[in-house]
């Protein structure tokens, strides 16, 4: 369920209002039982009635004690969030625009906040580091409660990071690296613990795969994640199929979440139908549980008050809107989030990359020759049909996939800006732009492959063993 703003009581979710109504009802009963002055009782009753009006405005339901909100306002959080021809949910992303999803509209639709220059500058001041290129270029563009995380950090209160990966294939593509590249930067500059969830159980429930295949993919994906440079002393990577069975604290939190989310709510949020298996219906609680520090007693020494920051792609936000709704009801802090844009397919920004289509993606296993051929053959161009037209009118970098990829991976801002200007003016041809991308990706992926070779099974086991990290809580 989404955070609803500008309706009834500002910034209050339906769950917040439900809890306020419960508390206000209790207050009225207490005042009456204690025979308080009539004016005081009347004021409390008026406040109660106001909350009831707000509650109906937000949920479309009359308030009933003992019956938590089950309805979802249309389009606030549905199974597919559509704006014009954009469709965004945890399983599908598509748009008819060659520029990709309209992220400004998505911020409004999801009720999140834009990562503006003021926030970027503040992160730079607090960390003493140049903000990551993903922040400078709007790759991470939206957030929930990031200011709160920074306030706490400046007050010497720690937080922890949580991100994840759904291991549906043995090989990951470059788009899968985006959250991990950024999460590693966050961990480095803030020096905080990180938990990485591998949702092999989800893939078993959604895909035609055996549990053994899903777990094997999880281990193989863990090798690629470790190759991003994470520190084994500060990072815990876990498979759901493993960790759920060995951590009573994790499972207890899963059950707490399950108790506070109704079937109507998950149907409204995720679009589940009566023919979906019950595993799918209960899974969102498993993705929610790592948001709470008490799910990892070996790391956080049973503390329940640490806030979590989740860097993820915006399509995962429905899981965490649900989590943020549940958190106050089970006495845990709401997780904060930072959302990334989608990494486009080679064929264009209308969809995100697919691990099932080898020509839509640059895989981390691709050879330099494969990278070159895929980019030259499949990367959607914003250039004109002929060299003469291109020289005269220039190209459109906003729809050109090679330029989009450089926005993700080319570190030098000045160089990127010059490429944009030269391509727009026609001084740089499409073939030359593709060459820039090839020369950027080939060494990056070769370096990653070398690092991955150094990741032994023993090292994976160390990362995936529940243990204390080098932090004192």
Protein backbone atom coordinates (compact mmCIF):
# COMPACT_ATOMS: atom_id res chain seq x y z
CA UNK A 1 0.00 0.00 0.00
CA UNK A 2 1.38 3.38 -0.99
CA UNK A 3 2.06 6.45 1.11
CA UNK A 4 -0.83 8.73 0.22
CA UNK A 5 -0.19 12.47 0.28
CA UNK A 6 -2.44 15.43 -0.26
CA UNK A 7 -5.61 13.46 0.64
CA UNK A 8 -7.28 13.90 4.01
CA UNK A 9 -4.42 14.14 6.52
CA UNK A 10 -1.18 14.95 4.64
CA UNK A 11 1.58 12.33 4.64
CA UNK A 12 -0.55 9.75 6.51
CA UNK A 13 -0.99 6.27 5.07
CA UNK A 14 -4.23 4.37 5.57
CA UNK A 15 -2.46 2.31 8.22
CA UNK A 16 -1.29 5.47 10.01
CA UNK A 17 -4.89 6.74 10.08
CA UNK A 18 -6.19 3.37 11.28
CA UNK A 19 -3.74 3.43 14.17
CA UNK A 20 -4.60 7.04 15.02
CA UNK A 21 -8.29 6.13 15.03
CA UNK A 22 -7.64 3.22 17.40
CA UNK A 23 -5.65 5.49 19.71
CA UNK A 24 -8.23 8.28 19.56
CA UNK A 25 -11.08 5.85 20.25
CA UNK A 26 -9.21 4.58 23.28
CA UNK A 27 -8.68 8.17 24.42
CA UNK A 28 -12.42 8.91 24.19
CA UNK A 29 -13.28 5.75 26.16
CA UNK A 30 -10.72 6.68 28.84
CA UNK A 31 -12.05 10.23 29.18
CA UNK A 32 -15.61 8.94 29.52
CA UNK A 33 -14.67 6.29 32.08
CA UNK A 34 -12.80 8.90 34.12
CA UNK A 35 -15.80 11.28 33.88
CA UNK A 36 -13.69 14.04 32.32
CA UNK A 37 -15.24 17.50 31.67
CA UNK A 38 -17.84 17.44 28.89
CA UNK A 39 -15.91 19.99 26.80
CA UNK A 40 -12.80 17.80 26.85
CA UNK A 41 -14.79 14.71 25.86
CA UNK A 42 -16.57 16.62 23.06
CA UNK A 43 -13.22 17.86 21.66
CA UNK A 44 -11.83 14.31 21.65
CA UNK A 45 -14.98 13.01 19.92
CA UNK A 46 -14.71 15.74 17.24
CA UNK A 47 -11.10 14.71 16.64
CA UNK A 48 -12.22 11.09 16.33
CA UNK A 49 -14.89 12.03 13.79
CA UNK A 50 -12.35 14.03 11.78
CA UNK A 51 -10.04 11.02 11.63
CA UNK A 52 -12.96 8.88 10.44
CA UNK A 53 -13.67 11.30 7.59
CA UNK A 54 -9.97 11.31 6.62
CA UNK A 55 -9.87 7.52 6.80
CA UNK A 56 -12.83 7.16 4.45
CA UNK A 57 -11.31 9.70 2.05
CA UNK A 58 -8.03 7.77 1.91
CA UNK A 59 -9.35 4.19 1.89
CA UNK A 60 -12.87 4.47 0.51
CA UNK A 61 -14.02 2.48 3.58
CA UNK A 62 -15.82 3.24 6.81
CA UNK A 63 -13.61 2.72 9.84
CA UNK A 64 -14.33 -0.42 11.85
CA UNK A 65 -12.38 -1.26 15.00
CA UNK A 66 -10.48 -4.53 14.59
CA UNK A 67 -10.71 -4.41 10.79
CA UNK A 68 -7.49 -2.98 9.30
CA UNK A 69 -7.70 -1.27 5.90
CA UNK A 70 -7.97 -3.70 3.00
CA UNK A 71 -8.78 -1.46 0.10
CA UNK A 72 -6.34 0.24 -2.26
CA UNK A 73 -7.17 3.52 -3.90
CA UNK A 74 -7.24 2.86 -7.68
CA UNK A 75 -3.87 3.53 -9.33
CA UNK A 76 -2.17 4.19 -6.00
CA UNK A 77 -0.32 0.95 -6.05
CA UNK A 78 -1.99 -1.51 -8.39
CA UNK A 79 -0.48 -4.55 -10.03
CA UNK A 80 0.59 -2.49 -13.02
CA UNK A 81 1.18 1.21 -12.53
CA UNK A 82 0.35 2.82 -15.84
CA UNK A 83 0.77 6.43 -16.86
CA UNK A 84 -0.20 6.99 -20.46
CA UNK A 85 1.48 3.99 -22.06
CA UNK A 86 4.03 3.34 -19.28
CA UNK A 87 3.60 0.11 -17.37
CA UNK A 88 5.71 -0.54 -14.28
CA UNK A 89 5.39 -3.39 -11.79
CA UNK A 90 7.86 -5.88 -10.22
CA UNK A 91 7.64 -8.16 -13.26
CA UNK A 92 6.90 -5.92 -16.26
CA UNK A 93 8.32 -2.63 -17.48
CA UNK A 94 7.32 -1.14 -20.82
CA UNK A 95 6.66 2.20 -22.47
CA UNK A 96 5.92 3.40 -25.99
CA UNK A 97 8.37 6.31 -25.62
CA UNK A 98 11.81 5.88 -27.19
CA UNK A 99 13.18 7.98 -24.33
CA UNK A 100 11.95 5.39 -21.83
CA UNK A 101 9.68 5.64 -18.80
CA UNK A 102 8.62 9.14 -17.69
CA UNK A 103 10.22 9.08 -14.25
CA UNK A 104 8.83 12.44 -13.12
CA UNK A 105 5.31 11.09 -13.59
CA UNK A 106 6.31 7.87 -11.85
CA UNK A 107 7.46 9.83 -8.78
CA UNK A 108 4.03 11.47 -8.59
CA UNK A 109 2.24 8.18 -9.14
CA UNK A 110 4.25 6.27 -6.54
CA UNK A 111 4.26 9.15 -4.07
CA UNK A 112 8.04 9.19 -3.59
CA UNK A 113 10.37 12.22 -3.54
CA UNK A 114 12.77 13.41 -6.22
CA UNK A 115 16.50 13.21 -5.48
CA UNK A 116 17.22 16.87 -6.09
CA UNK A 117 20.51 18.77 -6.21
CA UNK A 118 20.13 19.86 -2.60
CA UNK A 119 20.02 16.23 -1.43
CA UNK A 120 22.94 15.26 -3.68
CA UNK A 121 25.01 18.15 -2.32
CA UNK A 122 24.15 17.15 1.24
CA UNK A 123 25.30 13.56 0.65
CA UNK A 124 28.56 14.99 -0.72
CA UNK A 125 29.05 17.23 2.32
CA UNK A 126 28.29 14.52 4.87
CA UNK A 127 30.50 11.87 3.25
CA UNK A 128 33.26 14.22 2.11
CA UNK A 129 33.15 12.43 -1.25
CA UNK A 130 32.14 13.48 -4.75
CA UNK A 131 28.59 12.11 -5.21
CA UNK A 132 28.51 8.97 -7.34
CA UNK A 133 27.90 9.44 -11.07
CA UNK A 134 24.56 7.64 -10.63
CA UNK A 135 23.47 10.51 -8.38
CA UNK A 136 25.02 13.24 -10.52
CA UNK A 137 23.24 11.96 -13.64
CA UNK A 138 19.87 11.03 -12.18
CA UNK A 139 20.30 7.24 -12.50
CA UNK A 140 19.17 7.12 -8.86
CA UNK A 141 16.39 9.68 -9.09
CA UNK A 142 13.83 9.06 -6.35
CA UNK A 143 13.83 8.35 -2.62
CA UNK A 144 11.80 7.79 0.50
CA UNK A 145 13.11 9.23 3.81
CA UNK A 146 16.73 9.69 2.69
CA UNK A 147 16.85 12.98 4.58
CA UNK A 148 15.88 11.07 7.72
CA UNK A 149 18.76 8.63 7.20
CA UNK A 150 21.20 11.52 6.80
CA UNK A 151 19.82 13.28 9.90
CA UNK A 152 20.39 10.14 11.95
CA UNK A 153 23.87 9.60 10.48
CA UNK A 154 24.89 13.16 11.38
CA UNK A 155 23.67 12.42 14.93
CA UNK A 156 26.05 9.43 15.03
CA UNK A 157 23.21 6.93 14.65
CA UNK A 158 24.05 4.09 12.30
CA UNK A 159 21.90 2.46 9.64
CA UNK A 160 22.31 -0.57 7.41
CA UNK A 161 21.97 -1.29 3.70
CA UNK A 162 19.82 -3.96 2.08
CA UNK A 163 19.55 -4.84 -1.58
CA UNK A 164 18.92 -8.03 -3.51
CA UNK A 165 18.87 -10.10 -6.65
CA UNK A 166 16.39 -12.58 -8.09
CA UNK A 167 18.63 -15.34 -9.53
CA UNK A 168 16.75 -16.50 -12.61
CA UNK A 169 19.80 -17.45 -14.71
CA UNK A 170 23.44 -18.39 -14.26
CA UNK A 171 24.79 -15.29 -16.01
CA UNK A 172 23.98 -11.72 -15.01
CA UNK A 173 23.94 -8.82 -17.46
CA UNK A 174 25.37 -5.33 -17.02
CA UNK A 175 22.00 -3.94 -16.00
CA UNK A 176 22.01 -6.22 -12.96
CA UNK A 177 25.19 -4.51 -11.72
CA UNK A 178 23.59 -1.07 -11.30
CA UNK A 179 22.21 -1.52 -7.74
CA UNK A 180 25.36 -3.32 -6.62
CA UNK A 181 27.77 -0.70 -8.01
CA UNK A 182 25.82 2.01 -6.19
CA UNK A 183 25.32 -0.01 -3.00
CA UNK A 184 29.06 -0.64 -2.78
CA UNK A 185 29.68 3.10 -3.05
CA UNK A 186 27.14 3.79 -0.31
CA UNK A 187 28.73 1.17 1.91
CA UNK A 188 32.21 2.58 1.30
CA UNK A 189 31.34 6.22 2.00
CA UNK A 190 29.09 5.59 5.02
CA UNK A 191 30.93 2.50 6.37
CA UNK A 192 27.82 0.52 7.31
CA UNK A 193 26.76 -3.17 7.22
CA UNK A 194 25.09 -4.61 4.14
CA UNK A 195 22.75 -7.57 3.68
CA UNK A 196 22.09 -8.93 0.19
CA UNK A 197 19.06 -11.17 -0.33
CA UNK A 198 19.07 -13.78 -3.11
CA UNK A 199 15.41 -14.60 -3.73
CA UNK A 200 15.87 -18.11 -5.09
CA UNK A 201 12.53 -19.03 -3.49
CA UNK A 202 10.78 -16.36 -5.56
CA UNK A 203 12.27 -17.69 -8.78
CA UNK A 204 11.17 -21.22 -7.89
CA UNK A 205 7.60 -19.95 -7.35
CA UNK A 206 7.44 -17.84 -10.52
CA UNK A 207 9.61 -19.74 -13.01
CA UNK A 208 9.66 -23.24 -14.41
CA UNK A 209 12.81 -24.11 -12.46
CA UNK A 210 13.70 -26.68 -9.81
CA UNK A 211 14.76 -25.61 -6.33
CA UNK A 212 18.21 -27.02 -7.05
CA UNK A 213 18.53 -24.85 -10.18
CA UNK A 214 17.39 -21.74 -8.34
CA UNK A 215 19.89 -22.30 -5.53
CA UNK A 216 22.71 -22.96 -8.02
CA UNK A 217 21.85 -19.72 -9.84
CA UNK A 218 21.91 -17.93 -6.47
CA UNK A 219 25.45 -19.15 -5.77
CA UNK A 220 26.64 -18.25 -9.28
CA UNK A 221 25.07 -14.79 -9.03
CA UNK A 222 26.70 -14.35 -5.62
CA UNK A 223 30.09 -14.75 -7.35
CA UNK A 224 29.29 -11.87 -9.71
CA UNK A 225 28.07 -9.74 -6.80
CA UNK A 226 31.20 -10.47 -4.75
CA UNK A 227 33.30 -9.56 -7.82
CA UNK A 228 31.96 -5.99 -7.49
CA UNK A 229 34.41 -5.68 -4.60
CA UNK A 230 32.31 -6.11 -1.46
CA UNK A 231 34.14 -6.66 1.84
CA UNK A 232 33.42 -10.06 3.42
CA UNK A 233 33.82 -8.50 6.87
CA UNK A 234 31.02 -6.00 6.26
CA UNK A 235 28.62 -7.91 4.00
CA UNK A 236 26.25 -10.84 4.48
CA UNK A 237 24.80 -12.50 1.35
CA UNK A 238 22.04 -15.01 1.90
CA UNK A 239 19.82 -17.37 -0.06
CA UNK A 240 16.21 -17.42 1.11
CA UNK A 241 16.08 -21.20 0.62
CA UNK A 242 18.99 -21.47 3.07
CA UNK A 243 18.52 -18.67 5.57
CA UNK A 244 14.78 -19.09 6.24
CA UNK A 245 15.50 -22.57 7.60
CA UNK A 246 18.32 -21.56 9.93
CA UNK A 247 17.16 -18.22 11.34
CA UNK A 248 14.21 -18.24 13.74
CA UNK A 249 14.41 -14.43 14.03
CA UNK A 250 14.05 -13.97 10.28
CA UNK A 251 11.10 -16.33 10.07
CA UNK A 252 9.39 -14.70 13.05
CA UNK A 253 9.54 -11.35 11.27
CA UNK A 254 8.14 -12.93 8.11
CA UNK A 255 5.18 -14.22 10.13
CA UNK A 256 4.67 -10.83 11.82
CA UNK A 257 4.47 -9.18 8.40
CA UNK A 258 2.16 -11.89 7.04
CA UNK A 259 -0.25 -11.35 9.92
CA UNK A 260 -0.56 -7.63 9.15
CA UNK A 261 -1.14 -7.81 5.38
CA UNK A 262 -4.45 -9.07 4.03
CA UNK A 263 -5.10 -11.09 0.88
CA UNK A 264 -7.00 -8.11 -0.55
CA UNK A 265 -3.96 -5.92 -0.03
CA UNK A 266 -1.52 -8.20 -1.85
CA UNK A 267 -4.04 -8.66 -4.66
CA UNK A 268 -4.31 -4.89 -4.97
CA UNK A 269 -0.57 -4.32 -4.80
CA UNK A 270 0.74 -7.20 -6.91
CA UNK A 271 -2.22 -8.26 -9.03
CA UNK A 272 -2.38 -11.81 -7.70
CA UNK A 273 -5.40 -13.86 -8.77
CA UNK A 274 -7.25 -16.81 -7.27
CA UNK A 275 -5.26 -19.15 -9.52
CA UNK A 276 -1.85 -18.03 -8.18
CA UNK A 277 -0.14 -20.45 -5.84
CA UNK A 278 -0.18 -19.50 -2.16
CA UNK A 279 3.62 -19.22 -2.21
CA UNK A 280 3.38 -16.13 -4.42
CA UNK A 281 0.84 -14.55 -2.10
CA UNK A 282 3.06 -15.02 0.95
CA UNK A 283 6.36 -14.16 -0.75
CA UNK A 284 6.21 -10.33 -0.38
CA UNK A 285 6.60 -10.76 3.39
CA UNK A 286 9.90 -12.57 2.76
CA UNK A 287 11.24 -9.72 0.63
CA UNK A 288 10.09 -7.29 3.32
CA UNK A 289 11.75 -9.05 6.29
CA UNK A 290 15.39 -7.99 5.59
CA UNK A 291 14.25 -4.37 6.05
CA UNK A 292 14.31 -4.97 9.80
CA UNK A 293 17.55 -5.31 11.77
CA UNK A 294 16.07 -7.95 14.10
CA UNK A 295 16.02 -10.37 11.13
CA UNK A 296 19.81 -10.57 11.54
CA UNK A 297 20.54 -11.01 15.28
CA UNK A 298 24.04 -12.28 14.55
CA UNK A 299 24.91 -8.90 12.98
CA UNK A 300 22.87 -6.43 15.01
CA UNK A 301 22.88 -8.11 18.42
CA UNK A 302 19.05 -8.32 18.53
CA UNK A 303 18.61 -4.56 18.06
CA UNK A 304 15.25 -3.65 16.54
CA UNK A 305 15.68 0.10 16.13
CA UNK A 306 18.18 0.42 13.26
CA UNK A 307 16.84 2.01 10.11
CA UNK A 308 17.41 0.29 6.79
CA UNK A 309 18.27 1.99 3.47
CA UNK A 310 17.33 0.04 0.34
CA UNK A 311 18.88 0.97 -3.04
CA UNK A 312 16.78 -0.74 -5.75
CA UNK A 313 15.14 -0.22 -9.12
CA UNK A 314 11.82 1.63 -8.95
CA UNK A 315 9.86 -1.47 -10.03
CA UNK A 316 10.61 -3.05 -6.63
CA UNK A 317 8.98 -0.17 -4.77
CA UNK A 318 5.57 -1.88 -4.31
CA UNK A 319 7.20 -4.44 -2.00
CA UNK A 320 8.57 -1.69 0.20
CA UNK A 321 5.47 0.52 0.19
CA UNK A 322 3.81 -2.53 1.72
CA UNK A 323 6.74 -2.89 4.15
CA UNK A 324 6.59 0.77 5.17
CA UNK A 325 2.86 0.41 5.86
CA UNK A 326 3.43 -2.63 8.07
CA UNK A 327 6.52 -1.40 9.95
CA UNK A 328 4.83 0.89 12.52
CA UNK A 329 2.25 -1.79 13.30
CA UNK A 330 4.98 -4.21 14.36
CA UNK A 331 7.02 -1.50 16.13
CA UNK A 332 9.87 -1.30 13.62
CA UNK A 333 11.28 1.76 11.79
CA UNK A 334 10.15 2.24 8.20
CA UNK A 335 12.89 1.42 5.66
CA UNK A 336 14.18 4.28 3.53
CA UNK A 337 14.68 3.79 -0.21
CA UNK A 338 16.68 5.11 -3.15
CA UNK A 339 15.25 4.22 -6.55
CA UNK A 340 17.12 3.77 -9.82
CA UNK A 341 15.91 4.14 -13.37
CA UNK A 342 15.73 1.06 -15.59
CA UNK A 343 18.65 -0.12 -17.64
CA UNK A 344 17.38 -0.24 -21.24
CA UNK A 345 17.54 -3.15 -23.62
CA UNK A 346 19.93 -2.79 -26.56
CA UNK A 347 16.88 -2.51 -28.82
CA UNK A 348 15.70 0.64 -27.03
CA UNK A 349 14.40 2.11 -23.79
CA UNK A 350 10.84 0.83 -24.26
CA UNK A 351 11.71 -2.18 -22.05
CA UNK A 352 14.37 -3.13 -19.54
CA UNK A 353 16.96 -5.78 -20.39
CA UNK A 354 15.94 -9.43 -20.27
CA UNK A 355 18.17 -12.26 -19.08
CA UNK A 356 16.18 -14.60 -21.35
CA UNK A 357 17.04 -12.74 -24.59
CA UNK A 358 20.81 -12.87 -25.21
CA UNK A 359 20.63 -10.13 -27.84
CA UNK A 360 18.85 -7.67 -25.55
CA UNK A 361 21.72 -7.63 -23.10
CA UNK A 362 25.45 -7.36 -22.63
CA UNK A 363 26.18 -10.28 -20.32
CA UNK A 364 29.02 -10.37 -17.82
CA UNK A 365 30.23 -13.53 -19.57
CA UNK A 366 30.43 -11.91 -23.03
CA UNK A 367 33.78 -11.80 -24.84
CA UNK A 368 35.16 -8.53 -26.25
CA UNK A 369 34.09 -9.72 -29.72
CA UNK A 370 30.54 -10.50 -28.55
CA UNK A 371 30.28 -7.08 -26.89
CA UNK A 372 31.41 -5.35 -30.08
CA UNK A 373 29.07 -7.35 -32.31
CA UNK A 374 26.03 -6.89 -30.06
CA UNK A 375 26.50 -3.13 -29.82
CA UNK A 376 27.17 -2.65 -33.52
CA UNK A 377 24.29 -4.90 -34.58
CA UNK A 378 21.59 -4.35 -31.96
CA UNK A 379 22.13 -1.03 -30.13
CA UNK A 380 19.26 1.30 -31.06
CA UNK A 381 20.56 4.46 -32.74
CA UNK A 382 19.41 8.04 -32.41
CA UNK A 383 21.26 8.97 -35.57
CA UNK A 384 19.92 9.91 -38.98
CA UNK A 385 19.52 7.50 -41.91
CA UNK A 386 22.47 8.83 -43.91
CA UNK A 387 25.83 10.35 -43.00
CA UNK A 388 24.88 13.52 -44.89
CA UNK A 389 21.64 13.94 -42.91
CA UNK A 390 23.41 13.16 -39.65
CA UNK A 391 26.16 15.73 -40.31
CA UNK A 392 23.47 18.31 -41.16
CA UNK A 393 20.85 17.65 -38.48
CA UNK A 394 22.73 15.70 -35.81
CA UNK A 395 21.58 12.76 -33.70
CA UNK A 396 19.30 12.43 -30.68
CA UNK A 397 21.27 11.19 -27.63
CA UNK A 398 18.08 10.95 -25.53
CA UNK A 399 16.88 7.90 -27.50
CA UNK A 400 20.30 6.50 -28.46
CA UNK A 401 21.05 3.37 -26.43
CA UNK A 402 24.83 3.69 -26.78
CA UNK A 403 24.68 7.15 -25.22
CA UNK A 404 22.32 5.89 -22.50
CA UNK A 405 24.81 3.14 -21.62
CA UNK A 406 27.66 5.66 -21.46
CA UNK A 407 25.57 7.67 -18.99
CA UNK A 408 25.70 4.63 -16.69
CA UNK A 409 29.32 3.61 -17.16
CA UNK A 410 31.51 6.51 -18.36
CA UNK A 411 32.95 8.19 -15.26
CA UNK A 412 34.15 11.49 -16.78
CA UNK A 413 31.32 14.08 -16.80
CA UNK A 414 33.16 16.43 -19.17
CA UNK A 415 33.82 13.65 -21.66
CA UNK A 416 30.18 12.55 -21.54
CA UNK A 417 28.98 16.12 -22.10
CA UNK A 418 31.30 16.53 -25.09
CA UNK A 419 29.99 13.28 -26.61
CA UNK A 420 26.44 14.58 -26.19
CA UNK A 421 27.27 17.91 -27.84
CA UNK A 422 29.20 16.32 -30.72
CA UNK A 423 26.47 13.74 -31.39
CA UNK A 424 23.73 16.37 -31.25
CA UNK A 425 25.63 18.65 -33.64
CA UNK A 426 26.41 15.83 -36.08
CA UNK A 427 30.17 16.01 -35.53
CA UNK A 428 30.08 12.50 -34.00
CA UNK A 429 28.57 9.70 -36.08
CA UNK A 430 26.55 6.74 -34.74
CA UNK A 431 29.36 4.32 -35.52
CA UNK A 432 31.82 6.50 -33.61
CA UNK A 433 29.45 6.73 -30.64
CA UNK A 434 29.11 2.94 -30.60
CA UNK A 435 32.89 2.68 -30.68
CA UNK A 436 33.07 4.88 -27.54
CA UNK A 437 30.70 2.50 -25.78
CA UNK A 438 32.56 -0.62 -26.93
CA UNK A 439 35.85 0.84 -25.66
CA UNK A 440 34.19 1.62 -22.31
CA UNK A 441 32.47 -1.74 -21.76
CA UNK A 442 35.15 -4.15 -23.01
CA UNK A 443 37.76 -3.35 -20.32
CA UNK A 444 35.09 -2.97 -17.62
CA UNK A 445 33.66 -6.44 -18.26
CA UNK A 446 37.13 -7.99 -18.73
CA UNK A 447 38.12 -6.60 -15.31
CA UNK A 448 34.94 -7.99 -13.78
CA UNK A 449 35.62 -11.41 -15.29
CA UNK A 450 39.13 -11.43 -13.82
CA UNK A 451 37.77 -10.53 -10.38
CA UNK A 452 35.14 -13.24 -10.64
CA UNK A 453 37.80 -15.85 -11.33
CA UNK A 454 39.30 -15.00 -7.95
CA UNK A 455 35.99 -15.71 -6.16
CA UNK A 456 36.36 -19.24 -4.82
CA UNK A 457 33.60 -21.49 -3.49
CA UNK A 458 35.18 -21.05 -0.06
CA UNK A 459 34.85 -17.26 -0.31
CA UNK A 460 31.20 -17.57 -1.35
CA UNK A 461 30.63 -19.79 1.67
CA UNK A 462 32.18 -17.14 3.94
CA UNK A 463 29.90 -14.41 2.57
CA UNK A 464 26.83 -16.67 2.92
CA UNK A 465 27.51 -17.93 6.46
CA UNK A 466 25.45 -16.15 9.16
CA UNK A 467 28.02 -14.45 11.38
CA UNK A 468 28.98 -11.28 13.19
CA UNK A 469 30.38 -8.53 10.96
CA UNK A 470 33.03 -6.03 11.99
CA UNK A 471 30.54 -3.63 13.54
CA UNK A 472 29.57 -3.30 17.19
CA UNK A 473 25.87 -2.97 17.96
